[in-house]
Structure formats: C-alpha cells, structure tokens
Amino acid sequence: MNLEKVQDFVNLDHGLATVSVSRADGSVHSSVVNAGVMNHPVSKAQVVAMVVLGGAFKLKRWRAHPGASVVFRAGWQWVGIEGEVTMFGPNDPLEGIDASELPTVLREVFKAAGGTHDDWDEYDRVMREEGRTAVFVAPSRLLGAG
C-alpha cells in the first residue's frame, strides 16, 4: 500500500497523530503520538511508525491484540490507516533484527516523525532509561480522502 498521502499529513503537522487500540472490555483507548512513514526494519514494507514509552498501556494491549488505527489531521482534512502492529524494544524482540540495532531504529522512527536532536547520545540514553519501543503499523486499510 502506498503511504504517500499519509506522508503528506505527517509533513503538515509535525507528525501528530491519534492512535487507537482496543481495551480488554472492547472500548477504545486513544492517545496523541508523533508518527511517521518509513520502511519496516525487517520486511522493508512501508509502515506508520512511532516510539512509545516502555510502560505504556498501548504496548500491553498490542502484545495481546496487535491491531491499531492511526489518524493524522490537518485542519478539516484527515487520513488514517488501520493495520497489524509489530514492536521492537527492550521487552519486544523482533525476529530478523538484532537487539543491538534498537538505538538506530528508534532514531530512524523519530526522524520519520519529523524529529531532530542536537545530542544523539543523550537521546539514546533517555530512550534506554524509559524503555522506549519502536511500534510499526502495517497498513491493511487506508481511511479518509484528505
């Protein structure tokens, strides 16, 4: 699936997006994240990616039910994707990539979401201390027309 339209929205509002995951009772949990479009580090397919705090509720739910909806908006226009989640972090090894690559992958996700940093060593330290995890949503459905 081509995510060019999604990338347009990433560029419009600093990668701000709403991500939603289902709770155990079937209700929906949503939060605002910075996300971007990049190639998955193993499959190389285009995905929407974000970095998530190690203890976040979303990670616990995705481990049990790996599906998400991510919506980007700018003004009255929006675009979203739905798809399966894979994760790569301290508590989430990803087959096909060595754990030592996590700092590099976290940087790539951050950059894809429009992030920049003046001190990458400091960035790596904070990501490690917070147990940050890279989350990838492989699009199965594109929503909205923008």
N, C-alpha and C. Protein backbone atom coordinates (compact mmCIF):
# COMPACT_ATOMS: atom_id res chain seq x y z
N MET A 1 0.85 -1.18 0.00
CA MET A 1 0.00 0.00 0.00
C MET A 1 0.90 1.24 0.00
N ASN A 2 0.61 2.18 -0.86
CA ASN A 2 1.37 3.41 -0.96
C ASN A 2 0.91 4.38 0.13
N LEU A 3 1.84 4.86 0.93
CA LEU A 3 1.51 5.76 2.03
C LEU A 3 1.89 7.21 1.75
N GLU A 4 1.94 7.57 0.46
CA GLU A 4 2.31 8.94 0.08
C GLU A 4 1.36 9.97 0.69
N LYS A 5 0.06 9.70 0.66
CA LYS A 5 -0.93 10.63 1.23
C LYS A 5 -0.71 10.78 2.74
N VAL A 6 -0.39 9.67 3.41
CA VAL A 6 -0.12 9.73 4.84
C VAL A 6 1.12 10.59 5.09
N GLN A 7 2.17 10.41 4.29
CA GLN A 7 3.39 11.21 4.45
C GLN A 7 3.09 12.69 4.29
N ASP A 8 2.18 13.05 3.37
CA ASP A 8 1.79 14.45 3.22
C ASP A 8 1.26 15.02 4.54
N PHE A 9 0.46 14.24 5.25
CA PHE A 9 -0.10 14.69 6.52
C PHE A 9 0.94 14.73 7.63
N VAL A 10 1.89 13.81 7.61
CA VAL A 10 2.98 13.84 8.58
C VAL A 10 3.70 15.18 8.46
N ASN A 11 3.94 15.61 7.24
CA ASN A 11 4.66 16.86 7.00
C ASN A 11 3.86 18.10 7.39
N LEU A 12 2.54 18.02 7.38
CA LEU A 12 1.70 19.18 7.66
C LEU A 12 1.62 19.56 9.13
N ASP A 13 1.70 18.59 10.05
CA ASP A 13 1.51 18.92 11.46
C ASP A 13 2.47 18.16 12.37
N HIS A 14 3.75 18.19 12.02
CA HIS A 14 4.81 17.65 12.88
C HIS A 14 4.61 16.18 13.24
N GLY A 15 3.95 15.42 12.39
CA GLY A 15 3.74 14.00 12.64
C GLY A 15 2.74 13.70 13.74
N LEU A 16 1.98 14.70 14.17
CA LEU A 16 0.99 14.44 15.23
C LEU A 16 -0.13 13.57 14.70
N ALA A 17 -0.45 12.54 15.47
CA ALA A 17 -1.49 11.60 15.07
C ALA A 17 -2.20 11.09 16.31
N THR A 18 -3.40 10.60 16.10
CA THR A 18 -4.14 9.91 17.15
C THR A 18 -4.05 8.43 16.87
N VAL A 19 -3.61 7.67 17.87
CA VAL A 19 -3.52 6.23 17.73
C VAL A 19 -4.54 5.60 18.67
N SER A 20 -5.23 4.59 18.18
CA SER A 20 -6.26 3.92 18.97
C SER A 20 -6.01 2.42 19.03
N VAL A 21 -6.33 1.87 20.20
CA VAL A 21 -6.16 0.44 20.47
C VAL A 21 -7.37 0.00 21.28
N SER A 22 -7.77 -1.25 21.13
CA SER A 22 -8.93 -1.73 21.88
C SER A 22 -8.52 -2.17 23.28
N ARG A 23 -9.39 -1.86 24.23
CA ARG A 23 -9.21 -2.34 25.61
C ARG A 23 -9.79 -3.74 25.73
N ALA A 24 -9.50 -4.41 26.83
CA ALA A 24 -10.00 -5.77 27.05
C ALA A 24 -11.52 -5.83 27.04
N ASP A 25 -12.19 -4.73 27.48
CA ASP A 25 -13.65 -4.72 27.52
C ASP A 25 -14.28 -4.31 26.19
N GLY A 26 -13.45 -4.10 25.17
CA GLY A 26 -13.96 -3.74 23.85
C GLY A 26 -14.05 -2.25 23.60
N SER A 27 -13.88 -1.43 24.63
CA SER A 27 -13.88 0.01 24.42
C SER A 27 -12.56 0.41 23.77
N VAL A 28 -12.46 1.67 23.37
CA VAL A 28 -11.30 2.13 22.63
C VAL A 28 -10.48 3.11 23.47
N HIS A 29 -9.18 2.91 23.47
CA HIS A 29 -8.23 3.81 24.11
C HIS A 29 -7.51 4.56 23.00
N SER A 30 -7.50 5.90 23.07
CA SER A 30 -6.81 6.72 22.07
C SER A 30 -5.85 7.67 22.76
N SER A 31 -4.77 7.99 22.07
CA SER A 31 -3.82 8.98 22.57
C SER A 31 -3.14 9.65 21.38
N VAL A 32 -2.52 10.78 21.66
CA VAL A 32 -1.81 11.53 20.63
C VAL A 32 -0.34 11.14 20.67
N VAL A 33 0.22 10.88 19.50
CA VAL A 33 1.63 10.49 19.36
C VAL A 33 2.24 11.25 18.20
N ASN A 34 3.55 11.19 18.09
CA ASN A 34 4.24 11.62 16.87
C ASN A 34 4.53 10.35 16.09
N ALA A 35 4.16 10.35 14.84
CA ALA A 35 4.34 9.17 14.00
C ALA A 35 4.79 9.60 12.61
N GLY A 36 5.35 8.66 11.89
CA GLY A 36 5.81 8.95 10.54
C GLY A 36 5.75 7.71 9.68
N VAL A 37 6.10 7.89 8.43
CA VAL A 37 6.12 6.80 7.46
C VAL A 37 7.57 6.41 7.22
N MET A 38 7.83 5.11 7.26
CA MET A 38 9.17 4.61 6.98
C MET A 38 9.08 3.16 6.51
N ASN A 39 10.20 2.59 6.14
CA ASN A 39 10.25 1.18 5.80
C ASN A 39 10.48 0.37 7.07
N HIS A 40 9.72 -0.69 7.22
CA HIS A 40 9.88 -1.59 8.36
C HIS A 40 11.32 -2.11 8.37
N PRO A 41 11.97 -2.18 9.54
CA PRO A 41 13.38 -2.58 9.57
C PRO A 41 13.65 -4.02 9.14
N VAL A 42 12.64 -4.86 9.12
CA VAL A 42 12.84 -6.25 8.69
C VAL A 42 12.21 -6.50 7.32
N SER A 43 10.90 -6.23 7.19
CA SER A 43 10.20 -6.53 5.93
C SER A 43 10.49 -5.53 4.82
N LYS A 44 10.91 -4.33 5.20
CA LYS A 44 11.17 -3.21 4.28
C LYS A 44 9.90 -2.63 3.65
N ALA A 45 8.73 -3.12 4.04
CA ALA A 45 7.46 -2.56 3.55
C ALA A 45 7.20 -1.22 4.24
N GLN A 46 6.48 -0.34 3.56
CA GLN A 46 6.11 0.94 4.17
C GLN A 46 5.15 0.72 5.34
N VAL A 47 5.43 1.39 6.45
CA VAL A 47 4.61 1.31 7.65
C VAL A 47 4.48 2.69 8.25
N VAL A 48 3.52 2.85 9.15
CA VAL A 48 3.47 4.01 10.02
C VAL A 48 4.18 3.59 11.30
N ALA A 49 5.10 4.44 11.78
CA ALA A 49 5.93 4.08 12.92
C ALA A 49 5.89 5.17 13.98
N MET A 50 6.05 4.74 15.24
CA MET A 50 6.08 5.67 16.37
C MET A 50 6.97 5.07 17.45
N VAL A 51 7.43 5.91 18.36
CA VAL A 51 8.18 5.47 19.52
C VAL A 51 7.27 5.62 20.73
N VAL A 52 7.16 4.55 21.54
CA VAL A 52 6.22 4.53 22.66
C VAL A 52 6.97 4.24 23.96
N LEU A 53 6.58 4.94 25.02
CA LEU A 53 7.15 4.75 26.36
C LEU A 53 7.01 3.30 26.79
N GLY A 54 8.05 2.75 27.40
CA GLY A 54 8.11 1.34 27.75
C GLY A 54 6.94 0.81 28.56
N GLY A 55 6.40 1.58 29.49
CA GLY A 55 5.30 1.10 30.32
C GLY A 55 3.92 1.50 29.83
N ALA A 56 3.81 1.98 28.61
CA ALA A 56 2.54 2.48 28.09
C ALA A 56 1.48 1.39 27.97
N PHE A 57 0.25 1.75 28.29
CA PHE A 57 -0.89 0.85 28.17
C PHE A 57 -0.97 0.25 26.77
N LYS A 58 -0.70 1.08 25.76
CA LYS A 58 -0.80 0.63 24.36
C LYS A 58 0.06 -0.60 24.10
N LEU A 59 1.26 -0.61 24.65
CA LEU A 59 2.15 -1.76 24.41
C LEU A 59 1.56 -3.04 24.98
N LYS A 60 1.02 -2.94 26.18
CA LYS A 60 0.40 -4.11 26.81
C LYS A 60 -0.74 -4.64 25.95
N ARG A 61 -1.57 -3.76 25.44
CA ARG A 61 -2.71 -4.19 24.62
C ARG A 61 -2.24 -4.76 23.29
N TRP A 62 -1.23 -4.14 22.67
CA TRP A 62 -0.75 -4.63 21.38
C TRP A 62 -0.09 -6.00 21.50
N ARG A 63 0.48 -6.28 22.66
CA ARG A 63 1.05 -7.62 22.85
C ARG A 63 -0.06 -8.67 22.83
N ALA A 64 -1.23 -8.32 23.33
CA ALA A 64 -2.36 -9.25 23.36
C ALA A 64 -3.17 -9.22 22.06
N HIS A 65 -3.34 -8.03 21.48
CA HIS A 65 -4.16 -7.84 20.28
C HIS A 65 -3.45 -6.82 19.37
N PRO A 66 -2.64 -7.28 18.46
CA PRO A 66 -1.78 -6.39 17.68
C PRO A 66 -2.47 -5.68 16.51
N GLY A 67 -3.47 -4.87 16.83
CA GLY A 67 -4.13 -4.08 15.80
C GLY A 67 -4.24 -2.63 16.25
N ALA A 68 -4.13 -1.70 15.30
CA ALA A 68 -4.21 -0.27 15.64
C ALA A 68 -4.83 0.52 14.52
N SER A 69 -5.32 1.68 14.89
CA SER A 69 -5.78 2.69 13.95
C SER A 69 -4.97 3.95 14.24
N VAL A 70 -4.45 4.58 13.19
CA VAL A 70 -3.66 5.80 13.34
C VAL A 70 -4.25 6.85 12.40
N VAL A 71 -4.61 8.02 12.94
CA VAL A 71 -5.23 9.08 12.15
C VAL A 71 -4.40 10.36 12.26
N PHE A 72 -4.06 10.91 11.10
CA PHE A 72 -3.38 12.20 11.00
C PHE A 72 -4.40 13.22 10.51
N ARG A 73 -4.31 14.46 11.01
CA ARG A 73 -5.23 15.50 10.54
C ARG A 73 -4.49 16.81 10.35
N ALA A 74 -5.04 17.63 9.50
CA ALA A 74 -4.55 18.99 9.28
C ALA A 74 -5.77 19.81 8.90
N GLY A 75 -6.17 20.74 9.77
CA GLY A 75 -7.40 21.48 9.53
C GLY A 75 -8.57 20.52 9.54
N TRP A 76 -9.40 20.60 8.50
CA TRP A 76 -10.57 19.73 8.41
C TRP A 76 -10.30 18.48 7.58
N GLN A 77 -9.09 18.28 7.16
CA GLN A 77 -8.75 17.11 6.37
C GLN A 77 -8.05 16.07 7.24
N TRP A 78 -8.19 14.82 6.86
CA TRP A 78 -7.57 13.75 7.64
C TRP A 78 -7.32 12.54 6.76
N VAL A 79 -6.41 11.70 7.25
CA VAL A 79 -6.14 10.42 6.62
C VAL A 79 -5.74 9.45 7.72
N GLY A 80 -6.13 8.21 7.57
CA GLY A 80 -5.79 7.23 8.59
C GLY A 80 -5.45 5.89 7.99
N ILE A 81 -4.85 5.07 8.82
CA ILE A 81 -4.59 3.69 8.44
C ILE A 81 -5.02 2.78 9.56
N GLU A 82 -5.37 1.58 9.20
CA GLU A 82 -5.60 0.51 10.16
C GLU A 82 -4.68 -0.62 9.78
N GLY A 83 -4.18 -1.36 10.78
CA GLY A 83 -3.32 -2.47 10.44
C GLY A 83 -2.75 -3.19 11.63
N GLU A 84 -1.94 -4.18 11.31
CA GLU A 84 -1.32 -5.03 12.33
C GLU A 84 -0.06 -4.37 12.87
N VAL A 85 0.13 -4.51 14.16
CA VAL A 85 1.26 -3.92 14.87
C VAL A 85 2.36 -4.94 15.09
N THR A 86 3.61 -4.51 14.85
CA THR A 86 4.78 -5.22 15.32
C THR A 86 5.58 -4.23 16.15
N MET A 87 6.34 -4.76 17.11
CA MET A 87 7.09 -3.91 18.01
C MET A 87 8.53 -4.39 18.12
N PHE A 88 9.41 -3.46 18.43
CA PHE A 88 10.82 -3.75 18.63
C PHE A 88 11.30 -2.89 19.78
N GLY A 89 11.60 -3.54 20.90
CA GLY A 89 12.05 -2.80 22.07
C GLY A 89 12.67 -3.72 23.10
N PRO A 90 13.00 -3.18 24.27
CA PRO A 90 13.66 -3.97 25.30
C PRO A 90 12.86 -5.21 25.72
N ASN A 91 11.55 -5.12 25.69
CA ASN A 91 10.70 -6.26 26.06
C ASN A 91 10.01 -6.89 24.86
N ASP A 92 10.38 -6.45 23.68
CA ASP A 92 9.73 -6.91 22.46
C ASP A 92 10.76 -7.17 21.37
N PRO A 93 11.46 -8.31 21.44
CA PRO A 93 12.40 -8.62 20.36
C PRO A 93 11.64 -8.79 19.04
N LEU A 94 12.33 -8.52 17.96
CA LEU A 94 11.73 -8.63 16.63
C LEU A 94 12.60 -9.57 15.81
N GLU A 95 11.99 -10.68 15.38
CA GLU A 95 12.74 -11.65 14.59
C GLU A 95 13.28 -10.99 13.33
N GLY A 96 14.55 -11.23 13.07
CA GLY A 96 15.18 -10.70 11.86
C GLY A 96 16.05 -9.48 12.11
N ILE A 97 16.10 -9.01 13.37
CA ILE A 97 16.95 -7.86 13.68
C ILE A 97 17.53 -8.06 15.08
N ASP A 98 18.79 -7.72 15.22
CA ASP A 98 19.48 -7.90 16.49
C ASP A 98 19.11 -6.78 17.47
N ALA A 99 19.03 -7.12 18.74
CA ALA A 99 18.68 -6.15 19.78
C ALA A 99 19.63 -4.96 19.80
N SER A 100 20.86 -5.16 19.39
CA SER A 100 21.84 -4.06 19.39
C SER A 100 21.47 -2.95 18.40
N GLU A 101 20.54 -3.23 17.48
CA GLU A 101 20.12 -2.25 16.48
C GLU A 101 19.02 -1.31 17.01
N LEU A 102 18.51 -1.57 18.22
CA LEU A 102 17.40 -0.76 18.74
C LEU A 102 17.69 0.74 18.75
N PRO A 103 18.83 1.22 19.24
CA PRO A 103 19.05 2.67 19.23
C PRO A 103 18.95 3.27 17.82
N THR A 104 19.50 2.59 16.84
CA THR A 104 19.43 3.08 15.46
C THR A 104 17.99 3.12 14.96
N VAL A 105 17.24 2.07 15.24
CA VAL A 105 15.84 2.01 14.79
C VAL A 105 15.02 3.10 15.48
N LEU A 106 15.22 3.32 16.78
CA LEU A 106 14.48 4.38 17.48
C LEU A 106 14.79 5.74 16.86
N ARG A 107 16.03 5.98 16.51
CA ARG A 107 16.40 7.24 15.84
C ARG A 107 15.68 7.37 14.50
N GLU A 108 15.66 6.29 13.72
CA GLU A 108 15.02 6.33 12.40
C GLU A 108 13.52 6.62 12.52
N VAL A 109 12.87 6.02 13.51
CA VAL A 109 11.44 6.28 13.72
C VAL A 109 11.24 7.73 14.11
N PHE A 110 12.04 8.23 15.03
CA PHE A 110 11.95 9.62 15.48
C PHE A 110 12.11 10.58 14.30
N LYS A 111 13.09 10.34 13.45
CA LYS A 111 13.30 11.18 12.28
C LYS A 111 12.13 11.09 11.31
N ALA A 112 11.58 9.88 11.12
CA ALA A 112 10.44 9.71 10.21
C ALA A 112 9.24 10.52 10.67
N ALA A 113 9.13 10.72 11.99
CA ALA A 113 8.02 11.51 12.54
C ALA A 113 8.34 13.00 12.56
N GLY A 114 9.46 13.39 11.96
CA GLY A 114 9.82 14.79 11.87
C GLY A 114 10.73 15.28 12.97
N GLY A 115 11.22 14.37 13.81
CA GLY A 115 12.05 14.76 14.94
C GLY A 115 13.50 15.04 14.55
N THR A 116 14.11 15.94 15.30
CA THR A 116 15.53 16.23 15.18
C THR A 116 16.10 16.28 16.60
N HIS A 117 17.40 16.10 16.71
CA HIS A 117 18.02 16.14 18.04
C HIS A 117 19.44 16.66 17.91
N ASP A 118 19.87 17.46 18.89
CA ASP A 118 21.22 18.02 18.88
C ASP A 118 22.25 17.10 19.51
N ASP A 119 21.78 16.11 20.30
CA ASP A 119 22.70 15.23 21.01
C ASP A 119 22.15 13.82 20.98
N TRP A 120 22.56 13.04 19.96
CA TRP A 120 22.01 11.70 19.78
C TRP A 120 22.42 10.76 20.91
N ASP A 121 23.56 10.98 21.52
CA ASP A 121 23.95 10.14 22.66
C ASP A 121 22.97 10.35 23.81
N GLU A 122 22.58 11.59 24.04
CA GLU A 122 21.59 11.89 25.09
C GLU A 122 20.24 11.27 24.73
N TYR A 123 19.85 11.39 23.48
CA TYR A 123 18.60 10.78 23.01
C TYR A 123 18.62 9.28 23.30
N ASP A 124 19.71 8.61 22.92
CA ASP A 124 19.83 7.17 23.14
C ASP A 124 19.72 6.83 24.63
N ARG A 125 20.37 7.62 25.48
CA ARG A 125 20.34 7.39 26.92
C ARG A 125 18.91 7.47 27.46
N VAL A 126 18.18 8.51 27.07
CA VAL A 126 16.80 8.69 27.54
C VAL A 126 15.91 7.55 27.04
N MET A 127 16.06 7.18 25.78
CA MET A 127 15.26 6.09 25.22
C MET A 127 15.50 4.79 25.99
N ARG A 128 16.75 4.54 26.32
CA ARG A 128 17.11 3.33 27.06
C ARG A 128 16.52 3.37 28.48
N GLU A 129 16.67 4.51 29.17
CA GLU A 129 16.15 4.64 30.53
C GLU A 129 14.63 4.51 30.59
N GLU A 130 13.94 4.98 29.55
CA GLU A 130 12.48 4.94 29.53
C GLU A 130 11.94 3.66 28.91
N GLY A 131 12.84 2.77 28.49
CA GLY A 131 12.40 1.51 27.90
C GLY A 131 11.60 1.70 26.62
N ARG A 132 11.92 2.72 25.86
CA ARG A 132 11.15 3.05 24.66
C ARG A 132 11.16 1.90 23.66
N THR A 133 10.04 1.80 22.96
CA THR A 133 9.81 0.73 21.99
C THR A 133 9.39 1.33 20.66
N ALA A 134 9.94 0.81 19.58
CA ALA A 134 9.50 1.20 18.24
C ALA A 134 8.27 0.38 17.88
N VAL A 135 7.24 1.05 17.40
CA VAL A 135 5.98 0.40 17.03
C VAL A 135 5.74 0.66 15.54
N PHE A 136 5.40 -0.40 14.82
CA PHE A 136 5.17 -0.32 13.38
C PHE A 136 3.77 -0.82 13.07
N VAL A 137 3.01 -0.03 12.32
CA VAL A 137 1.67 -0.43 11.92
C VAL A 137 1.69 -0.66 10.42
N ALA A 138 1.51 -1.91 10.03
CA ALA A 138 1.48 -2.28 8.62
C ALA A 138 0.07 -2.03 8.09
N PRO A 139 -0.09 -1.13 7.14
CA PRO A 139 -1.43 -0.75 6.71
C PRO A 139 -2.17 -1.85 5.96
N SER A 140 -3.36 -2.15 6.43
CA SER A 140 -4.25 -3.07 5.70
C SER A 140 -5.42 -2.30 5.10
N ARG A 141 -5.65 -1.08 5.62
CA ARG A 141 -6.73 -0.26 5.13
C ARG A 141 -6.32 1.21 5.24
N LEU A 142 -6.57 1.97 4.18
CA LEU A 142 -6.35 3.41 4.16
C LEU A 142 -7.70 4.08 4.30
N LEU A 143 -7.82 5.05 5.20
CA LEU A 143 -9.08 5.70 5.50
C LEU A 143 -9.02 7.19 5.17
N GLY A 144 -10.13 7.78 4.80
CA GLY A 144 -10.20 9.22 4.56
C GLY A 144 -9.62 9.57 3.21
N ALA A 145 -9.97 10.74 2.78
CA ALA A 145 -9.53 11.19 1.47
C ALA A 145 -8.66 12.43 1.57
N GLY A 146 -8.51 12.94 2.78
CA GLY A 146 -7.70 14.14 2.96
C GLY A 146 -8.44 15.39 2.64
